[in-house]
């Protein structure tokens, strides 16, 4: 059966991960996930992470998904609002 069969099930789509150090991460947070079309971006606060950590995490995610240790998927529905921290 295809993805558009009579049950109308929506299947998650695989995505890539990117890790960046960003000043846009609010104070009080070490990391925030950002869902973009086709990828998940993990934004790290510059006071809590280095560019080296961001590169190493990105390389780990790429390796893990390439060899089948992990699979990252886009949400099936719109993400629910995150609680205030």
N, C-alpha and C. Protein backbone atom coordinates (compact mmCIF):
# COMPACT_ATOMS: atom_id res chain seq x y z
N UNK A 1 0.84 -1.18 0.00
CA UNK A 1 0.00 0.00 0.00
C UNK A 1 0.88 1.24 0.00
N UNK A 2 0.40 2.29 -0.57
CA UNK A 2 1.17 3.52 -0.65
C UNK A 2 0.89 4.40 0.56
N UNK A 3 1.66 5.48 0.68
CA UNK A 3 1.45 6.42 1.77
C UNK A 3 0.09 7.08 1.70
N UNK A 4 -0.52 7.08 0.55
CA UNK A 4 -1.82 7.73 0.38
C UNK A 4 -2.94 6.71 0.28
N UNK A 5 -2.84 5.60 1.04
CA UNK A 5 -3.89 4.58 0.98
C UNK A 5 -5.15 5.10 1.66
N UNK A 6 -6.16 4.26 1.74
CA UNK A 6 -7.46 4.69 2.22
C UNK A 6 -7.47 5.06 3.69
N UNK A 7 -6.46 4.67 4.47
CA UNK A 7 -6.43 5.03 5.88
C UNK A 7 -5.89 6.43 6.10
N UNK A 8 -5.29 7.01 5.10
CA UNK A 8 -4.73 8.37 5.15
C UNK A 8 -3.73 8.53 6.28
N UNK A 9 -2.93 7.52 6.53
CA UNK A 9 -1.89 7.63 7.54
C UNK A 9 -0.80 8.55 7.03
N UNK A 10 -0.31 9.37 7.93
CA UNK A 10 0.81 10.25 7.60
C UNK A 10 2.06 9.63 8.18
N UNK A 11 3.07 9.43 7.34
CA UNK A 11 4.31 8.82 7.79
C UNK A 11 5.37 9.89 8.00
N UNK A 12 6.14 9.78 9.09
CA UNK A 12 7.19 10.78 9.31
C UNK A 12 8.24 10.73 8.21
N UNK A 13 8.85 11.88 7.96
CA UNK A 13 9.88 12.00 6.93
C UNK A 13 11.25 12.08 7.58
N UNK A 14 12.25 11.35 7.06
CA UNK A 14 13.59 11.47 7.62
C UNK A 14 14.14 12.88 7.39
N UNK A 15 14.91 13.35 8.36
CA UNK A 15 15.50 14.68 8.26
C UNK A 15 16.98 14.61 8.62
N UNK A 16 17.70 15.66 8.30
CA UNK A 16 19.10 15.80 8.67
C UNK A 16 19.19 16.67 9.92
N UNK A 17 20.29 16.56 10.63
CA UNK A 17 20.50 17.38 11.82
C UNK A 17 21.66 18.33 11.59
N UNK A 18 21.52 19.52 12.11
CA UNK A 18 22.57 20.53 12.06
C UNK A 18 22.73 21.05 13.49
N UNK A 19 23.95 21.32 13.90
CA UNK A 19 24.21 21.86 15.24
C UNK A 19 24.98 23.16 15.07
N UNK A 20 24.48 24.23 15.69
CA UNK A 20 25.11 25.53 15.57
C UNK A 20 25.22 26.19 16.94
N UNK A 21 26.20 27.05 17.11
CA UNK A 21 26.28 27.91 18.29
C UNK A 21 25.64 29.23 17.90
N UNK A 22 24.65 29.67 18.69
CA UNK A 22 23.90 30.86 18.30
C UNK A 22 23.62 31.77 19.48
N UNK A 23 23.83 33.07 19.28
CA UNK A 23 23.49 34.06 20.30
C UNK A 23 21.98 34.22 20.45
N UNK A 24 21.21 33.63 19.53
CA UNK A 24 19.75 33.72 19.59
C UNK A 24 19.13 32.79 20.62
N UNK A 25 19.94 31.87 21.17
CA UNK A 25 19.41 31.00 22.23
C UNK A 25 19.22 31.86 23.47
N UNK A 26 18.03 31.84 24.05
CA UNK A 26 17.77 32.71 25.20
C UNK A 26 18.68 32.40 26.39
N UNK A 27 19.01 33.44 27.17
CA UNK A 27 19.74 33.22 28.41
C UNK A 27 18.92 32.29 29.29
N UNK A 28 19.62 31.45 30.02
CA UNK A 28 18.94 30.47 30.86
C UNK A 28 18.71 29.14 30.17
N UNK A 29 18.96 29.09 28.87
CA UNK A 29 18.84 27.84 28.10
C UNK A 29 20.21 27.49 27.53
N UNK A 30 20.56 26.21 27.55
CA UNK A 30 21.83 25.77 26.95
C UNK A 30 21.63 25.40 25.49
N UNK A 31 20.41 24.96 25.14
CA UNK A 31 20.13 24.48 23.78
C UNK A 31 18.64 24.62 23.49
N UNK A 32 18.32 24.92 22.24
CA UNK A 32 16.93 24.86 21.81
C UNK A 32 16.88 24.12 20.47
N UNK A 33 15.88 23.26 20.30
CA UNK A 33 15.70 22.60 19.02
C UNK A 33 14.87 23.51 18.10
N UNK A 34 15.26 23.57 16.84
CA UNK A 34 14.53 24.37 15.86
C UNK A 34 14.20 23.45 14.69
N UNK A 35 12.91 23.27 14.42
CA UNK A 35 12.51 22.41 13.31
C UNK A 35 12.38 23.27 12.05
N UNK A 36 13.17 22.95 11.06
CA UNK A 36 13.12 23.61 9.76
C UNK A 36 12.70 22.56 8.74
N UNK A 37 12.25 22.99 7.60
CA UNK A 37 11.83 22.03 6.58
C UNK A 37 13.02 21.15 6.18
N UNK A 38 12.89 19.86 6.41
CA UNK A 38 13.91 18.91 5.99
C UNK A 38 15.09 18.74 6.93
N UNK A 39 15.10 19.48 8.07
CA UNK A 39 16.21 19.29 8.99
C UNK A 39 15.82 19.75 10.39
N UNK A 40 16.56 19.24 11.34
CA UNK A 40 16.44 19.66 12.74
C UNK A 40 17.72 20.41 13.07
N UNK A 41 17.58 21.61 13.59
CA UNK A 41 18.74 22.40 13.99
C UNK A 41 18.76 22.45 15.52
N UNK A 42 19.87 22.05 16.10
CA UNK A 42 20.07 22.20 17.53
C UNK A 42 20.93 23.44 17.73
N UNK A 43 20.34 24.48 18.30
CA UNK A 43 21.05 25.73 18.53
C UNK A 43 21.57 25.73 19.96
N UNK A 44 22.88 25.92 20.10
CA UNK A 44 23.55 25.89 21.40
C UNK A 44 23.90 27.31 21.83
N UNK A 45 23.71 27.60 23.11
CA UNK A 45 24.05 28.92 23.65
C UNK A 45 25.58 29.05 23.70
N UNK A 46 26.14 30.18 23.26
CA UNK A 46 27.60 30.32 23.23
C UNK A 46 28.27 30.26 24.60
N UNK A 47 27.54 30.54 25.68
CA UNK A 47 28.13 30.44 27.03
C UNK A 47 28.21 28.99 27.51
N UNK A 48 27.53 28.09 26.82
CA UNK A 48 27.45 26.70 27.27
C UNK A 48 28.07 25.71 26.29
N UNK A 49 28.47 26.17 25.12
CA UNK A 49 29.01 25.25 24.11
C UNK A 49 30.01 25.98 23.22
N UNK A 50 30.90 25.19 22.65
CA UNK A 50 31.90 25.75 21.74
C UNK A 50 31.60 25.35 20.31
N UNK A 51 32.26 26.01 19.38
CA UNK A 51 32.14 25.64 17.97
C UNK A 51 32.63 24.21 17.76
N UNK A 52 33.66 23.81 18.51
CA UNK A 52 34.19 22.45 18.40
C UNK A 52 33.11 21.44 18.80
N UNK A 53 32.41 21.71 19.90
CA UNK A 53 31.34 20.80 20.32
C UNK A 53 30.26 20.71 19.25
N UNK A 54 29.88 21.85 18.69
CA UNK A 54 28.86 21.86 17.64
C UNK A 54 29.30 21.00 16.45
N UNK A 55 30.56 21.16 16.01
CA UNK A 55 31.07 20.37 14.88
C UNK A 55 31.07 18.88 15.21
N UNK A 56 31.53 18.53 16.42
CA UNK A 56 31.61 17.13 16.79
C UNK A 56 30.23 16.49 16.92
N UNK A 57 29.27 17.23 17.48
CA UNK A 57 27.90 16.71 17.55
C UNK A 57 27.31 16.52 16.16
N UNK A 58 27.52 17.50 15.28
CA UNK A 58 27.00 17.39 13.91
C UNK A 58 27.62 16.19 13.20
N UNK A 59 28.92 15.99 13.39
CA UNK A 59 29.58 14.83 12.77
C UNK A 59 29.03 13.53 13.34
N UNK A 60 28.78 13.50 14.65
CA UNK A 60 28.22 12.30 15.27
C UNK A 60 26.83 12.00 14.73
N UNK A 61 25.97 13.01 14.65
CA UNK A 61 24.63 12.79 14.11
C UNK A 61 24.68 12.30 12.67
N UNK A 62 25.56 12.89 11.86
CA UNK A 62 25.69 12.47 10.46
C UNK A 62 26.14 11.02 10.38
N UNK A 63 27.14 10.65 11.17
CA UNK A 63 27.63 9.27 11.16
C UNK A 63 26.54 8.31 11.66
N UNK A 64 25.90 8.65 12.76
CA UNK A 64 24.89 7.75 13.34
C UNK A 64 23.73 7.51 12.39
N UNK A 65 23.29 8.53 11.67
CA UNK A 65 22.20 8.33 10.73
C UNK A 65 22.67 7.60 9.47
N UNK A 66 23.91 7.85 9.06
CA UNK A 66 24.44 7.21 7.85
C UNK A 66 24.60 5.70 8.03
N UNK A 67 25.04 5.26 9.21
CA UNK A 67 25.29 3.83 9.43
C UNK A 67 24.11 3.12 10.08
N UNK A 68 23.04 3.83 10.34
CA UNK A 68 21.84 3.19 10.88
C UNK A 68 21.75 3.10 12.39
N UNK A 69 22.62 3.81 13.11
CA UNK A 69 22.53 3.81 14.57
C UNK A 69 21.38 4.68 15.07
N UNK A 70 20.97 5.64 14.26
CA UNK A 70 19.89 6.55 14.64
C UNK A 70 19.12 6.96 13.39
N UNK A 71 17.88 7.33 13.60
CA UNK A 71 17.06 7.86 12.52
C UNK A 71 16.34 9.09 13.06
N UNK A 72 16.48 10.21 12.39
CA UNK A 72 15.82 11.45 12.79
C UNK A 72 14.64 11.68 11.86
N UNK A 73 13.50 12.00 12.43
CA UNK A 73 12.30 12.19 11.64
C UNK A 73 11.66 13.53 11.94
N UNK A 74 11.03 14.11 10.91
CA UNK A 74 10.27 15.33 11.09
C UNK A 74 8.99 14.99 11.84
N UNK A 75 8.47 15.91 12.62
CA UNK A 75 7.23 15.63 13.32
C UNK A 75 6.09 15.39 12.33
N UNK A 76 5.19 14.51 12.70
CA UNK A 76 4.04 14.21 11.85
C UNK A 76 3.10 15.41 11.82
N UNK A 77 2.92 16.03 12.97
CA UNK A 77 2.04 17.18 13.08
C UNK A 77 2.86 18.39 13.50
N UNK A 78 2.22 19.53 13.51
CA UNK A 78 2.90 20.72 14.01
C UNK A 78 3.30 20.49 15.45
N UNK A 79 4.47 20.96 15.81
CA UNK A 79 4.95 20.79 17.18
C UNK A 79 4.05 21.55 18.15
N UNK A 80 3.85 20.97 19.31
CA UNK A 80 3.06 21.65 20.35
C UNK A 80 3.89 22.80 20.90
N UNK A 81 3.24 23.80 21.45
CA UNK A 81 4.00 24.91 22.04
C UNK A 81 4.87 24.42 23.18
N UNK A 82 6.08 24.96 23.28
CA UNK A 82 6.99 24.57 24.35
C UNK A 82 6.66 25.37 25.60
N UNK A 83 6.78 24.75 26.77
CA UNK A 83 6.53 25.49 28.01
C UNK A 83 7.58 26.57 28.23
N UNK A 84 7.20 27.61 28.87
CA UNK A 84 8.14 28.67 29.22
C UNK A 84 9.10 28.14 30.26
N UNK A 85 10.37 28.54 30.17
CA UNK A 85 11.37 28.10 31.14
C UNK A 85 11.82 29.28 31.97
